[in-house]
Amino acid sequence: MQPNMKMLQQMQNRLLKMQQELEEATVEGSAGGGAVRVVVNGTRSVKSVSIDPEAVDPDDIEILEDMVLTAINDAMAKAEQLAAEKMGAITGGLNLNIPGIM
């Protein structure tokens, strides 16, 4: 029983470290050739949104809205991929669905 507890403790420590790494890591999504950029961390928290003033057309705000949405979705997909890669490194490819991590 003890070896299993030690193994579980080690995995828990690795998961906590991975969670901290994901909170510190950032990825960037963009749209409109970089006119709109969104930075999120590995836990999918939006850290910043940057909009080039040239992308703002008061007569066509829908295009800007679409670019913001596209940039957010791009960044979120990259953050999800980052989290999956880090989780795979810890679990050795096992498919574990742990709430709050992925």
Protein backbone atom coordinates (compact mmCIF):
# COMPACT_ATOMS: atom_id res chain seq x y z
CA MET A 1 0.00 0.00 0.00
CA GLN A 2 2.84 2.44 0.83
CA PRO A 3 4.44 2.39 -2.65
CA ASN A 4 1.09 3.34 -4.18
CA MET A 5 0.65 6.23 -1.75
CA LYS A 6 4.14 7.48 -2.55
CA MET A 7 3.40 7.27 -6.27
CA LEU A 8 0.13 9.16 -5.82
CA GLN A 9 1.90 11.85 -3.78
CA GLN A 10 4.52 12.25 -6.52
CA MET A 11 1.83 12.55 -9.18
CA GLN A 12 -0.03 15.12 -7.07
CA ASN A 13 3.17 17.16 -6.73
CA ARG A 14 3.74 17.01 -10.48
CA LEU A 15 0.14 18.08 -11.13
CA LEU A 16 0.49 21.04 -8.76
CA LYS A 17 3.72 22.05 -10.48
CA MET A 18 2.07 21.72 -13.89
CA GLN A 19 -0.85 23.88 -12.73
CA GLN A 20 1.58 26.59 -11.62
CA GLU A 21 3.47 26.37 -14.94
CA LEU A 22 0.20 26.72 -16.85
CA GLU A 23 -0.76 29.79 -14.82
CA GLU A 24 2.59 31.39 -15.68
CA ALA A 25 2.76 30.33 -19.34
CA THR A 26 1.11 32.52 -21.96
CA VAL A 27 0.04 32.01 -25.55
CA GLU A 28 -1.14 34.58 -28.07
CA GLY A 29 -4.00 34.37 -30.51
CA SER A 30 -4.43 36.84 -33.31
CA ALA A 31 -6.72 37.86 -36.14
CA GLY A 32 -6.69 40.34 -38.98
CA GLY A 33 -3.01 39.80 -39.68
CA GLY A 34 -2.14 40.71 -36.09
CA ALA A 35 -4.46 43.72 -35.90
CA VAL A 36 -6.14 42.08 -32.90
CA ARG A 37 -4.07 40.09 -30.40
CA VAL A 38 -5.24 38.26 -27.31
CA VAL A 39 -2.90 36.80 -24.67
CA VAL A 40 -4.16 34.04 -22.38
CA ASN A 41 -2.37 31.88 -19.85
CA GLY A 42 -2.30 28.11 -19.84
CA THR A 43 -5.36 27.96 -17.60
CA ARG A 44 -7.30 29.96 -20.22
CA SER A 45 -7.47 33.23 -18.34
CA VAL A 46 -7.37 36.24 -20.66
CA LYS A 47 -4.40 38.42 -19.72
CA SER A 48 -4.54 41.12 -22.38
CA VAL A 49 -6.28 42.29 -25.53
CA SER A 50 -4.50 44.52 -28.02
CA ILE A 51 -6.23 46.25 -30.93
CA ASP A 52 -4.37 48.17 -33.60
CA PRO A 53 -6.08 51.56 -34.00
CA GLU A 54 -6.10 50.98 -37.77
CA ALA A 55 -8.48 48.06 -37.20
CA VAL A 56 -11.14 50.33 -35.69
CA ASP A 57 -13.71 51.50 -38.22
CA PRO A 58 -16.67 53.13 -36.44
CA ASP A 59 -18.82 52.44 -39.49
CA ASP A 60 -18.10 48.70 -39.43
CA ILE A 61 -17.76 47.59 -35.84
CA GLU A 62 -18.89 44.06 -36.75
CA ILE A 63 -15.54 43.32 -38.41
CA LEU A 64 -13.69 44.34 -35.24
CA GLU A 65 -16.02 42.19 -33.14
CA ASP A 66 -15.34 39.22 -35.45
CA MET A 67 -11.58 39.77 -35.21
CA VAL A 68 -11.72 39.91 -31.40
CA LEU A 69 -13.76 36.72 -31.28
CA THR A 70 -11.39 34.98 -33.69
CA ALA A 71 -8.32 36.06 -31.71
CA ILE A 72 -9.86 34.85 -28.44
CA ASN A 73 -10.77 31.47 -29.93
CA ASP A 74 -7.29 31.15 -31.44
CA ALA A 75 -5.63 31.88 -28.09
CA MET A 76 -7.95 29.51 -26.21
CA ALA A 77 -7.18 26.68 -28.64
CA LYS A 78 -3.45 27.26 -28.16
CA ALA A 79 -3.87 27.31 -24.36
CA GLU A 80 -5.81 24.04 -24.51
CA GLN A 81 -3.07 22.48 -26.63
CA LEU A 82 -0.42 23.67 -24.16
CA ALA A 83 -2.35 22.16 -21.24
CA ALA A 84 -2.81 18.87 -23.12
CA GLU A 85 0.91 18.68 -23.86
CA LYS A 86 1.85 19.32 -20.24
CA MET A 87 -0.72 16.83 -18.98
CA GLY A 88 0.54 14.22 -21.46
CA ALA A 89 4.08 14.66 -20.15
CA ILE A 90 2.90 13.90 -16.62
CA THR A 91 0.47 11.07 -17.34
CA GLY A 92 2.60 9.40 -19.99
CA GLY A 93 -0.20 9.70 -22.52
CA LEU A 94 -2.96 8.32 -20.30
CA ASN A 95 -6.26 10.03 -21.01
CA LEU A 96 -7.22 11.46 -17.62
CA ASN A 97 -10.08 13.91 -17.44
CA ILE A 98 -9.31 15.96 -14.32
CA PRO A 99 -11.72 18.86 -13.77
CA GLY A 100 -10.05 22.25 -13.64
CA ILE A 101 -6.92 21.11 -15.43
CA MET A 102 -8.19 20.55 -18.94
